Amino acid sequence: NLRHLNIATRFIAQVSGIGRLVNLQGSVEFHVKKGVGCTLEELKGLKDLRGKLKIKGLDNVLSKEAASKAELYKKRHLRELSLEWNSASRNLVLDADAVILENLQPPSSIKVLNIKRYQGAICPSWLQLPSLKQLQSLDLINCRNLEILPPLGLLPSLKYLCMKELCTVNQIGHEFYGDDDVPFPSLIMLVFDDFPSLFDWSGEVKGNPFPHLQKLTLKDCPNLVQVPPLPPSVSDVTMERTALI
């Protein structure tokens, strides 16, 4: 019947067999390891989790079946989710990370999502679903093989978007915006940091994107020579180490 563990989440990560605490609420950090009591299946019964769930060690998830056993989409009270691989320099089976991430769909209640060191070439299909209509903050960090950005402009509540160390993206066009009349209707802050291959951010865009954008940061994009017109709402622009200046 235990519902709360009043200890730091990093210590909760050391608890083996946490899946037996089926009434657990609050925030949890979980490290995936090989061995009994340390697989993603431990999270299956934790349907009342609230606050933040941080999952580390996704390198140790070896199949889509193993990933789907976490049943993240059923955790209807969860507000923050962090999905992390341990290393960005791994010898991968083709599309291995993509298969795992596709089967880690968050619940519709999620407001903050962080994805770190994912090495797939494409984003999961669920990242553009209307079911993520409450998502307000998204971080894509050190996703070095990601080639094309998903249509994040379709996320109606997204306010903060930070993308860092996306080394393979070379162009950003209409695919980033989606087909809505007003792409990125709620976005306030947008960060592109360490995009060494990016040279063109343009493309024909339907409607009027970024109507509420206030802050734009472009850092370490040494080949970037073109950006779209900025909306009048933008009051803070930071550009460092780009070809634009």
Protein backbone atom coordinates (compact mmCIF):
# COMPACT_ATOMS: atom_id res chain seq x y z
CA ASN A 1 0.00 0.00 0.00
CA LEU A 2 3.05 2.31 0.01
CA ARG A 3 2.27 5.47 -1.95
CA HIS A 4 5.17 7.83 -1.25
CA LEU A 5 8.94 7.45 -0.93
CA ASN A 6 10.34 10.57 0.69
CA ILE A 7 13.85 10.14 -0.68
CA ALA A 8 15.69 11.69 -3.62
CA THR A 9 14.75 10.14 -6.96
CA ARG A 10 18.38 9.16 -7.62
CA PHE A 11 18.17 6.84 -4.60
CA ILE A 12 14.84 5.42 -5.75
CA ALA A 13 16.72 4.34 -8.89
CA GLN A 14 18.73 1.95 -6.73
CA VAL A 15 15.63 0.07 -5.55
CA SER A 16 15.41 -3.29 -7.28
CA GLY A 17 11.94 -4.69 -7.92
CA ILE A 18 10.20 -1.34 -7.58
CA GLY A 19 7.36 -2.72 -9.67
CA ARG A 20 5.96 -4.39 -6.57
CA LEU A 21 5.01 -0.95 -5.19
CA VAL A 22 1.92 -0.75 -7.38
CA ASN A 23 0.36 2.16 -5.45
CA LEU A 24 3.45 4.35 -5.68
CA GLN A 25 2.88 8.01 -6.50
CA GLY A 26 5.23 10.98 -6.79
CA SER A 27 8.38 11.14 -8.92
CA VAL A 28 10.57 8.18 -9.81
CA GLU A 29 13.96 7.67 -11.45
CA PHE A 30 14.44 4.24 -12.99
CA HIS A 31 17.68 2.80 -14.38
CA VAL A 32 17.22 -0.02 -16.87
CA LYS A 33 19.70 -2.83 -16.36
CA LYS A 34 20.04 -6.41 -17.41
CA GLY A 35 18.73 -8.62 -14.66
CA VAL A 36 15.70 -9.47 -12.58
CA GLY A 37 13.92 -6.45 -11.13
CA CYS A 38 15.64 -3.93 -13.40
CA THR A 39 13.78 -4.21 -16.72
CA LEU A 40 11.14 -1.84 -18.07
CA GLU A 41 8.45 -4.33 -17.14
CA GLU A 42 8.91 -3.13 -13.54
CA LEU A 43 7.10 0.07 -14.54
CA LYS A 44 4.04 -1.69 -15.92
CA GLY A 45 2.04 -1.74 -12.71
CA LEU A 46 2.98 1.78 -11.56
CA LYS A 47 -0.10 3.40 -13.06
CA ASP A 48 -0.57 6.03 -10.34
CA LEU A 49 2.80 7.76 -10.79
CA ARG A 50 2.53 11.53 -10.62
CA GLY A 51 5.11 14.20 -11.11
CA LYS A 52 8.21 13.12 -13.05
CA LEU A 53 9.43 9.79 -14.38
CA LYS A 54 13.06 9.65 -15.51
CA ILE A 55 14.15 6.49 -17.33
CA LYS A 56 17.88 6.04 -17.91
CA GLY A 57 19.84 3.23 -19.51
CA LEU A 58 17.60 2.63 -22.52
CA ASP A 59 20.68 1.13 -24.18
CA ASN A 60 19.75 -2.00 -22.22
CA VAL A 61 16.31 -2.35 -23.84
CA LEU A 62 16.79 -4.81 -26.67
CA SER A 63 13.36 -5.22 -28.28
CA LYS A 64 10.11 -3.40 -28.94
CA GLU A 65 8.34 -5.99 -26.81
CA ALA A 66 10.54 -5.11 -23.85
CA ALA A 67 9.87 -1.40 -24.37
CA SER A 68 6.11 -1.77 -24.69
CA LYS A 69 5.91 -3.63 -21.37
CA ALA A 70 6.46 -0.33 -19.55
CA GLU A 71 2.99 0.78 -20.74
CA LEU A 72 3.88 4.44 -20.32
CA TYR A 73 0.77 5.56 -22.20
CA LYS A 74 -1.39 4.21 -19.35
CA LYS A 75 0.16 6.43 -16.67
CA ARG A 76 -2.55 9.07 -16.90
CA HIS A 77 -1.34 11.22 -14.00
CA LEU A 78 2.24 11.63 -15.20
CA ARG A 79 3.33 15.21 -15.94
CA GLU A 80 7.04 14.94 -16.85
CA LEU A 81 8.92 12.21 -18.70
CA SER A 82 12.63 11.91 -19.42
CA LEU A 83 13.91 9.18 -21.75
CA GLU A 84 17.68 8.76 -21.76
CA TRP A 85 20.22 6.50 -23.37
CA ASN A 86 23.59 6.27 -21.61
CA SER A 87 25.82 6.94 -24.59
CA ALA A 88 25.58 8.84 -27.86
CA SER A 89 28.51 6.86 -29.30
CA ARG A 90 27.23 3.34 -29.72
CA ASN A 91 27.47 0.67 -32.39
CA LEU A 92 23.82 0.32 -33.32
CA VAL A 93 21.79 -2.28 -35.10
CA LEU A 94 19.97 -0.36 -37.85
CA ASP A 95 16.94 1.49 -36.45
CA ALA A 96 17.36 -0.12 -33.01
CA ASP A 97 16.74 3.08 -31.04
CA ALA A 98 13.84 4.05 -33.31
CA VAL A 99 12.03 0.79 -32.59
CA ILE A 100 12.48 1.25 -28.84
CA LEU A 101 11.34 4.88 -28.75
CA GLU A 102 8.30 4.16 -30.91
CA ASN A 103 7.09 1.81 -28.17
CA LEU A 104 7.60 4.29 -25.32
CA GLN A 105 4.63 6.51 -26.12
CA PRO A 106 3.85 8.89 -23.23
CA PRO A 107 0.36 9.41 -21.82
CA SER A 108 -1.76 12.30 -23.06
CA SER A 109 -1.30 14.03 -19.67
CA ILE A 110 2.39 14.73 -20.29
CA LYS A 111 3.48 18.38 -20.14
CA VAL A 112 7.28 18.11 -20.16
CA LEU A 113 9.25 15.68 -22.32
CA ASN A 114 13.03 15.23 -22.54
CA ILE A 115 14.76 12.85 -24.95
CA LYS A 116 18.53 12.48 -24.63
CA ARG A 117 21.15 10.60 -26.65
CA TYR A 118 18.59 8.96 -28.94
CA GLN A 119 20.41 7.71 -32.04
CA GLY A 120 17.53 6.98 -34.40
CA ALA A 121 17.27 8.72 -37.77
CA ILE A 122 13.57 9.53 -37.39
CA CYS A 123 11.35 10.68 -34.56
CA PRO A 124 8.55 8.43 -33.28
CA SER A 125 5.13 8.78 -34.85
CA TRP A 126 3.55 9.66 -31.50
CA LEU A 127 5.53 12.92 -31.27
CA GLN A 128 3.12 14.50 -33.74
CA LEU A 129 -0.09 13.01 -32.41
CA PRO A 130 -3.01 15.19 -31.27
CA SER A 131 -2.94 13.13 -28.06
CA LEU A 132 0.03 15.23 -26.89
CA LYS A 133 -2.11 18.35 -26.85
CA GLN A 134 -0.98 19.21 -23.29
CA LEU A 135 2.76 19.08 -24.04
CA GLN A 136 4.32 22.44 -23.12
CA SER A 137 8.07 21.79 -23.07
CA LEU A 138 10.22 19.57 -25.29
CA ASP A 139 13.98 18.99 -25.18
CA LEU A 140 15.73 16.94 -27.87
CA ILE A 141 19.34 16.64 -26.73
CA ASN A 142 22.28 14.89 -28.41
CA CYS A 143 20.17 13.08 -31.00
CA ARG A 144 23.06 12.95 -33.45
CA ASN A 145 21.57 10.75 -36.17
CA LEU A 146 18.20 12.47 -36.41
CA GLU A 147 17.87 13.59 -40.04
CA ILE A 148 14.47 15.27 -40.27
CA LEU A 149 12.61 17.22 -37.62
CA PRO A 150 9.03 16.06 -37.00
CA PRO A 151 6.04 18.42 -37.48
CA LEU A 152 6.27 19.91 -34.01
CA GLY A 153 4.20 22.86 -35.18
CA LEU A 154 1.16 20.64 -34.71
CA LEU A 155 1.58 20.58 -30.92
CA PRO A 156 -0.98 23.18 -29.79
CA SER A 157 0.33 23.85 -26.26
CA LEU A 158 4.09 23.72 -26.90
CA LYS A 159 5.74 26.79 -25.32
CA TYR A 160 9.40 25.82 -24.99
CA LEU A 161 11.37 23.91 -27.61
CA CYS A 162 15.08 23.27 -27.12
CA MET A 163 17.09 21.19 -29.61
CA LYS A 164 20.79 20.64 -29.03
CA GLU A 165 23.49 18.54 -30.71
CA LEU A 166 21.40 17.42 -33.67
CA CYS A 167 24.42 16.89 -35.86
CA THR A 168 22.78 15.41 -38.98
CA VAL A 169 19.91 17.83 -39.66
CA ASN A 170 20.93 19.97 -42.65
CA GLN A 171 17.63 21.59 -43.67
CA ILE A 172 14.48 22.71 -41.89
CA GLY A 173 11.45 23.19 -44.11
CA HIS A 174 7.70 22.78 -44.17
CA GLU A 175 7.90 19.35 -42.52
CA PHE A 176 8.83 21.09 -39.24
CA TYR A 177 5.63 23.14 -39.21
CA GLY A 178 2.93 20.66 -40.21
CA ASP A 179 -0.26 21.58 -42.03
CA ASP A 180 -2.08 23.73 -39.47
CA ASP A 181 -3.09 27.27 -40.38
CA VAL A 182 -1.10 28.58 -37.41
CA PRO A 183 1.94 26.37 -36.73
CA PHE A 184 3.46 26.62 -33.25
CA PRO A 185 0.49 28.61 -31.91
CA SER A 186 1.80 28.76 -28.32
CA LEU A 187 5.58 28.69 -28.72
CA ILE A 188 7.43 31.33 -26.66
CA MET A 189 11.05 30.15 -26.75
CA LEU A 190 12.92 28.31 -29.53
CA VAL A 191 16.53 27.11 -29.28
CA PHE A 192 18.77 25.61 -31.96
CA ASP A 193 22.12 24.78 -30.38
CA ASP A 194 24.97 22.86 -32.04
CA PHE A 195 23.58 22.03 -35.48
CA PRO A 196 26.88 21.69 -37.39
CA SER A 197 25.26 20.49 -40.65
CA LEU A 198 22.34 22.92 -40.78
CA PHE A 199 22.62 25.42 -43.65
CA ASP A 200 19.03 26.28 -44.52
CA TRP A 201 15.99 27.04 -42.37
CA SER A 202 13.32 28.16 -44.77
CA GLY A 203 10.77 26.39 -46.95
CA GLU A 204 7.22 27.39 -47.81
CA VAL A 205 5.08 27.54 -44.70
CA LYS A 206 1.31 27.44 -44.57
CA GLY A 207 -0.28 30.12 -42.40
CA ASN A 208 1.47 32.37 -39.89
CA PRO A 209 3.85 30.44 -37.64
CA PHE A 210 5.12 31.46 -34.21
CA PRO A 211 2.50 34.15 -33.40
CA HIS A 212 3.69 34.34 -29.75
CA LEU A 213 7.42 33.65 -30.12
CA GLN A 214 9.48 35.92 -27.87
CA LYS A 215 12.96 34.41 -27.69
CA LEU A 216 15.04 32.77 -30.45
CA THR A 217 18.50 31.32 -29.88
CA LEU A 218 20.82 30.12 -32.66
CA LYS A 219 24.17 28.86 -31.39
CA ASP A 220 26.94 26.83 -32.99
CA CYS A 221 25.26 26.55 -36.38
CA PRO A 222 28.38 27.44 -38.40
CA ASN A 223 26.88 26.72 -41.83
CA LEU A 224 23.49 28.34 -41.35
CA VAL A 225 23.02 31.04 -43.99
CA GLN A 226 19.24 31.40 -44.21
CA VAL A 227 16.41 31.78 -41.71
CA PRO A 228 12.74 32.69 -42.25
CA PRO A 229 11.31 36.11 -41.40
CA LEU A 230 10.67 36.45 -37.68
CA PRO A 231 7.27 37.46 -36.32
CA PRO A 232 6.95 40.90 -34.69
CA SER A 233 6.44 39.28 -31.29
CA VAL A 234 10.14 38.34 -31.09
CA SER A 235 11.98 40.60 -28.65
CA ASP A 236 15.12 38.59 -27.85
CA VAL A 237 17.40 37.06 -30.50
CA THR A 238 20.73 35.41 -29.68
CA MET A 239 23.08 34.35 -32.49
CA GLU A 240 26.49 32.90 -31.77
CA ARG A 241 28.87 31.17 -34.17
CA THR A 242 26.60 31.08 -37.21
CA ALA A 243 27.24 32.13 -40.81
CA LEU A 244 24.53 34.78 -40.47
CA ILE A 245 26.80 37.20 -38.61
